[in-house]
Amino acid sequence: MLTARQGASTTMTVLGELAVFGEDGALDLGAPRQRTVLAALALHVNRPLTTQRIVTTVWGGAAPTYAANLVHKYVSGLRRALSDLPPQRGIRIDNGRSGYRLVAGTEQLDLFLFHTHTEAARGLRDRGEYAGAADLFAEALRLWRGPFLGELPGLAFDDERVYMEGVRLAALEEFATLCIAVGRHSEAIGPLGDALRRHPLEENLARMLMLAHYRAGNTAKAVLVYEELRRRMAGELGVTPQPALNDLVRALRNHAPVPNEPRCGALAPTTP
């Protein structure tokens, strides 16, 4: 269970376990299907969602005939739970002719903050402010506390989980590229290692982790990342790493110039 400290920066979290925080910690959001209704509304925050769309999200093709009544019941339960929020952290569920709508400000939902930070980081990077961009990417990535929507059941969320994990990885790779380019190699090692454990066959994550270890002064760990990846790929896929990764490990072993290493000058957008 998330603590009040973990949720202190936002009212509602979806980048990990679904939770809503009041002054004394996480609110009781009710049974799993009621939480699923809230998750469905959160994925369309500040936009209306019809009762039928919610039914499809919660039950898929196995909805009972009285599913619409259950949705109304769950929304009532969620409203009671959200009524415990103080005004400054208040979020609410409205309803109108177009359906139910979860209303939240940009500072209250961690997903909003993640997108805000990453967009601002890209703006700084494109202006050549690489250290500031790395700081903002790091702040965005710290908002993640686990898989998107945690362990919340529902096949309807599978596509969203895959998509958001891709968004998360893209931000991580941009962060790691900046760290390597500005000499903050050690800061990238932990996040890259965590991501490679989630995606053990992802060659670009391995490449960046190898570079981070190498530039942090640990060639042995950099080579070990490669060897572990090579064994996994051979055992699970029956293939070997791409030639570019083989060229990289050869350069690291020989302390030769590193091919395609991120450099600050190469990070700025090119003028058409």
Protein backbone atom coordinates (compact mmCIF):
# COMPACT_ATOMS: atom_id res chain seq x y z
CA MET A 1 0.00 0.00 0.00
CA LEU A 2 1.27 3.47 -0.86
CA THR A 3 1.91 5.82 2.03
CA ALA A 4 0.96 9.44 2.52
CA ARG A 5 4.59 10.43 1.94
CA GLN A 6 4.68 8.62 -1.42
CA GLY A 7 1.59 10.44 -2.61
CA ALA A 8 2.46 13.81 -1.16
CA SER A 9 3.13 15.47 -4.55
CA THR A 10 -0.16 14.44 -6.17
CA THR A 11 -3.72 13.61 -5.22
CA MET A 12 -4.11 10.63 -7.55
CA THR A 13 -1.59 8.14 -8.88
CA VAL A 14 -1.83 5.77 -11.86
CA LEU A 15 1.91 5.39 -12.58
CA GLY A 16 2.01 2.35 -10.36
CA GLU A 17 -0.72 1.34 -7.92
CA LEU A 18 -4.01 3.19 -8.43
CA ALA A 19 -4.47 5.40 -5.38
CA VAL A 20 -6.04 8.64 -4.19
CA PHE A 21 -4.49 10.47 -1.26
CA GLY A 22 -6.04 12.58 1.43
CA GLU A 23 -4.35 14.27 4.37
CA ASP A 24 -4.01 10.99 6.28
CA GLY A 25 -2.91 8.73 3.43
CA ALA A 26 -4.54 6.62 0.76
CA LEU A 27 -8.34 6.57 0.62
CA ASP A 28 -10.34 3.35 0.62
CA LEU A 29 -11.53 3.13 -2.99
CA GLY A 30 -13.63 0.03 -2.50
CA ALA A 31 -13.75 -3.33 -4.25
CA PRO A 32 -11.68 -4.14 -7.38
CA ARG A 33 -14.50 -3.44 -9.86
CA GLN A 34 -15.17 -0.07 -8.24
CA ARG A 35 -11.47 0.75 -8.52
CA THR A 36 -11.61 -0.33 -12.16
CA VAL A 37 -14.37 2.22 -12.79
CA LEU A 38 -12.13 4.93 -11.34
CA ALA A 39 -9.21 3.75 -13.49
CA ALA A 40 -11.38 3.92 -16.61
CA LEU A 41 -12.37 7.49 -15.75
CA ALA A 42 -8.75 8.39 -14.98
CA LEU A 43 -7.62 7.26 -18.43
CA HIS A 44 -10.02 9.85 -19.88
CA VAL A 45 -9.59 12.46 -17.16
CA ASN A 46 -11.54 15.69 -17.71
CA ARG A 47 -13.44 14.03 -20.58
CA PRO A 48 -16.84 12.35 -20.30
CA LEU A 49 -17.14 8.59 -20.55
CA THR A 50 -20.47 6.96 -21.33
CA THR A 51 -21.89 4.33 -19.02
CA GLN A 52 -21.65 1.79 -21.84
CA ARG A 53 -17.95 2.56 -22.34
CA ILE A 54 -17.35 2.04 -18.65
CA VAL A 55 -19.27 -1.25 -18.75
CA THR A 56 -17.11 -2.46 -21.63
CA THR A 57 -13.94 -1.47 -19.79
CA VAL A 58 -14.93 -3.15 -16.55
CA TRP A 59 -16.54 -6.36 -17.83
CA GLY A 60 -15.53 -6.67 -21.48
CA GLY A 61 -17.87 -9.07 -23.27
CA ALA A 62 -19.06 -10.71 -20.06
CA ALA A 63 -21.11 -7.86 -18.62
CA PRO A 64 -24.24 -8.82 -16.66
CA THR A 65 -27.56 -7.37 -17.77
CA TYR A 66 -27.59 -5.07 -14.74
CA ALA A 67 -24.03 -3.76 -15.35
CA ALA A 68 -25.19 -0.18 -15.92
CA ASN A 69 -26.82 -0.16 -12.47
CA LEU A 70 -23.58 -1.45 -10.98
CA VAL A 71 -21.65 1.37 -12.64
CA HIS A 72 -23.98 3.92 -11.02
CA LYS A 73 -23.51 2.16 -7.68
CA TYR A 74 -19.71 2.18 -8.03
CA VAL A 75 -19.66 5.86 -9.00
CA SER A 76 -21.71 6.65 -5.89
CA GLY A 77 -19.19 4.73 -3.79
CA LEU A 78 -16.29 6.58 -5.39
CA ARG A 79 -17.96 9.91 -4.78
CA ARG A 80 -18.34 9.07 -1.11
CA ALA A 81 -14.65 8.17 -0.94
CA LEU A 82 -13.55 11.32 -2.77
CA SER A 83 -15.69 13.49 -0.48
CA ASP A 84 -13.06 12.88 2.22
CA LEU A 85 -10.51 14.91 0.25
CA PRO A 86 -9.75 18.43 1.54
CA PRO A 87 -10.68 21.24 -0.87
CA GLN A 88 -7.09 21.91 -1.91
CA ARG A 89 -6.68 18.28 -3.02
CA GLY A 90 -10.21 17.83 -4.30
CA ILE A 91 -11.03 15.82 -7.36
CA ARG A 92 -14.58 14.84 -8.26
CA ILE A 93 -16.77 12.83 -10.60
CA ASP A 94 -19.33 14.84 -12.55
CA ASN A 95 -22.10 13.46 -14.69
CA GLY A 96 -24.07 14.87 -17.59
CA ARG A 97 -25.73 13.87 -20.83
CA SER A 98 -22.40 12.61 -22.22
CA GLY A 99 -21.62 10.42 -19.23
CA TYR A 100 -19.40 10.51 -16.17
CA ARG A 101 -16.28 12.68 -16.00
CA LEU A 102 -13.38 12.60 -13.55
CA VAL A 103 -12.34 16.20 -12.93
CA ALA A 104 -8.74 16.80 -11.81
CA GLY A 105 -6.19 19.59 -12.11
CA THR A 106 -2.83 19.24 -13.80
CA GLU A 107 -1.01 19.14 -10.47
CA GLN A 108 -3.24 16.46 -8.99
CA LEU A 109 -2.64 13.48 -11.27
CA ASP A 110 0.83 11.95 -11.60
CA LEU A 111 0.22 11.14 -15.27
CA PHE A 112 -0.33 14.85 -16.00
CA LEU A 113 2.87 15.72 -14.14
CA PHE A 114 4.86 13.08 -16.01
CA HIS A 115 3.83 14.49 -19.38
CA THR A 116 4.41 18.07 -18.21
CA HIS A 117 7.93 17.29 -17.00
CA THR A 118 8.94 15.31 -20.09
CA GLU A 119 7.66 17.97 -22.47
CA ALA A 120 9.51 20.67 -20.52
CA ALA A 121 12.66 18.51 -20.47
CA ARG A 122 12.58 18.15 -24.26
CA GLY A 123 12.21 21.90 -24.60
CA LEU A 124 15.28 22.50 -22.43
CA ARG A 125 17.26 19.87 -24.33
CA ASP A 126 16.37 21.43 -27.67
CA ARG A 127 17.65 24.78 -26.35
CA GLY A 128 20.93 23.20 -25.30
CA GLU A 129 20.17 23.25 -21.55
CA TYR A 130 21.18 19.62 -21.10
CA ALA A 131 21.71 19.48 -17.34
CA GLY A 132 18.33 21.05 -16.64
CA ALA A 133 16.70 18.69 -19.11
CA ALA A 134 18.26 15.69 -17.36
CA ASP A 135 16.94 16.96 -14.01
CA LEU A 136 13.39 17.23 -15.35
CA PHE A 137 13.50 13.79 -16.97
CA ALA A 138 14.70 12.38 -13.63
CA GLU A 139 11.82 14.09 -11.83
CA ALA A 140 9.34 12.65 -14.34
CA LEU A 141 10.73 9.13 -14.02
CA ARG A 142 10.61 9.27 -10.21
CA LEU A 143 6.81 9.55 -10.45
CA TRP A 144 6.68 5.91 -11.56
CA ARG A 145 6.25 3.50 -8.65
CA GLY A 146 5.53 0.32 -10.58
CA PRO A 147 3.62 -0.93 -13.64
CA PHE A 148 0.92 1.37 -15.00
CA LEU A 149 -2.21 0.92 -12.83
CA GLY A 150 -0.35 -1.67 -10.74
CA GLU A 151 -2.04 -5.04 -10.53
CA LEU A 152 -5.54 -3.76 -11.25
CA PRO A 153 -7.43 -6.50 -13.14
CA GLY A 154 -9.02 -5.94 -16.51
CA LEU A 155 -8.05 -6.87 -20.05
CA ALA A 156 -9.11 -3.38 -21.14
CA PHE A 157 -5.99 -1.94 -19.52
CA ASP A 158 -3.49 -4.26 -21.22
CA ASP A 159 -3.06 -2.06 -24.29
CA GLU A 160 -2.70 1.02 -22.11
CA ARG A 161 -0.04 -0.71 -20.01
CA VAL A 162 1.96 -1.64 -23.12
CA TYR A 163 1.65 1.89 -24.51
CA MET A 164 2.58 3.63 -21.27
CA GLU A 165 5.55 1.33 -20.69
CA GLY A 166 6.78 2.39 -24.12
CA VAL A 167 6.35 6.05 -23.15
CA ARG A 168 8.24 5.40 -19.91
CA LEU A 169 11.11 3.68 -21.73
CA ALA A 170 11.37 6.50 -24.27
CA ALA A 171 11.72 9.05 -21.45
CA LEU A 172 14.30 6.86 -19.72
CA GLU A 173 16.40 6.54 -22.86
CA GLU A 174 16.29 10.31 -23.37
CA PHE A 175 17.33 10.80 -19.74
CA ALA A 176 20.17 8.29 -20.02
CA THR A 177 21.39 9.86 -23.26
CA LEU A 178 21.60 13.24 -21.55
CA CYS A 179 23.35 11.81 -18.49
CA ILE A 180 25.99 10.14 -20.62
CA ALA A 181 26.45 13.25 -22.76
CA VAL A 182 26.99 15.60 -19.78
CA GLY A 183 29.11 13.21 -17.71
CA ARG A 184 26.47 12.20 -15.14
CA HIS A 185 26.90 8.53 -15.97
CA SER A 186 26.28 7.12 -12.50
CA GLU A 187 22.79 8.67 -12.32
CA ALA A 188 21.65 6.59 -15.28
CA ILE A 189 22.88 3.22 -13.98
CA GLY A 190 20.10 2.48 -11.46
CA PRO A 191 17.13 3.40 -13.70
CA LEU A 192 18.64 1.60 -16.70
CA GLY A 193 19.32 -1.52 -14.62
CA ASP A 194 15.76 -1.58 -13.31
CA ALA A 195 14.38 -1.21 -16.84
CA LEU A 196 16.62 -3.96 -18.21
CA ARG A 197 15.32 -6.30 -15.52
CA ARG A 198 11.79 -5.57 -16.74
CA HIS A 199 12.84 -5.93 -20.38
CA PRO A 200 15.79 -8.34 -20.30
CA LEU A 201 16.07 -8.66 -24.09
CA GLU A 202 16.00 -4.94 -24.91
CA GLU A 203 19.32 -4.27 -26.66
CA ASN A 204 19.19 -0.47 -26.54
CA LEU A 205 18.77 -0.51 -22.76
CA ALA A 206 21.77 -2.85 -22.51
CA ARG A 207 23.82 -0.58 -24.80
CA MET A 208 23.11 2.50 -22.69
CA LEU A 209 23.77 0.66 -19.43
CA MET A 210 27.09 -0.56 -20.83
CA LEU A 211 28.06 3.00 -21.72
CA ALA A 212 27.01 4.32 -18.31
CA HIS A 213 29.06 1.68 -16.47
CA TYR A 214 32.05 2.21 -18.74
CA ARG A 215 32.08 5.99 -18.38
CA ALA A 216 31.58 5.60 -14.63
CA GLY A 217 34.86 3.68 -14.60
CA ASN A 218 33.67 0.07 -14.45
CA THR A 219 34.53 -1.74 -17.67
CA ALA A 220 33.97 -5.14 -16.07
CA LYS A 221 30.32 -4.36 -15.27
CA ALA A 222 29.81 -2.95 -18.74
CA VAL A 223 31.09 -6.17 -20.32
CA LEU A 224 29.03 -8.26 -17.90
CA VAL A 225 25.85 -6.51 -19.10
CA TYR A 226 26.73 -7.57 -22.63
CA GLU A 227 27.56 -11.16 -21.68
CA GLU A 228 24.32 -11.59 -19.74
CA LEU A 229 22.31 -10.18 -22.65
CA ARG A 230 24.11 -12.46 -25.11
CA ARG A 231 23.30 -15.53 -22.99
CA ARG A 232 19.64 -14.55 -22.62
CA MET A 233 19.23 -13.92 -26.32
CA ALA A 234 20.88 -17.22 -27.23
CA GLY A 235 18.84 -19.18 -24.70
CA GLU A 236 15.43 -17.57 -25.29
CA LEU A 237 15.57 -16.46 -28.93
CA GLY A 238 18.40 -18.45 -30.50
CA VAL A 239 20.02 -15.25 -31.83
CA THR A 240 23.02 -13.05 -31.04
CA PRO A 241 23.13 -9.30 -30.31
CA GLN A 242 23.16 -6.90 -33.23
CA PRO A 243 26.56 -6.07 -34.80
CA ALA A 244 26.49 -2.57 -33.33
CA LEU A 245 26.43 -4.03 -29.81
CA ASN A 246 29.28 -6.38 -30.64
CA ASP A 247 31.27 -3.39 -31.94
CA LEU A 248 30.55 -1.54 -28.71
CA VAL A 249 31.75 -4.30 -26.39
CA ARG A 250 34.87 -4.73 -28.51
CA ALA A 251 35.63 -1.02 -28.14
CA LEU A 252 35.04 -1.11 -24.38
CA ARG A 253 37.31 -4.13 -23.91
CA ASN A 254 40.08 -2.45 -25.90
CA HIS A 255 39.47 1.03 -24.45
CA ALA A 256 39.09 2.22 -28.02
CA PRO A 257 36.92 5.14 -29.22
CA VAL A 258 33.28 4.36 -28.52
CA PRO A 259 31.06 4.30 -31.62
CA ASN A 260 27.95 6.51 -31.60
CA GLU A 261 28.44 7.74 -28.03
CA PRO A 262 26.01 10.55 -27.06
CA ARG A 263 27.62 13.99 -27.25
CA CYS A 264 26.10 17.31 -26.22
CA GLY A 265 26.55 18.88 -29.63
CA ALA A 266 24.62 16.09 -31.28
CA LEU A 267 21.58 16.44 -29.00
CA ALA A 268 20.39 19.80 -30.32
CA PRO A 269 17.76 19.65 -33.08
CA THR A 270 19.13 20.09 -36.59
CA THR A 271 17.86 22.94 -38.76
CA PRO A 272 16.15 21.73 -41.94
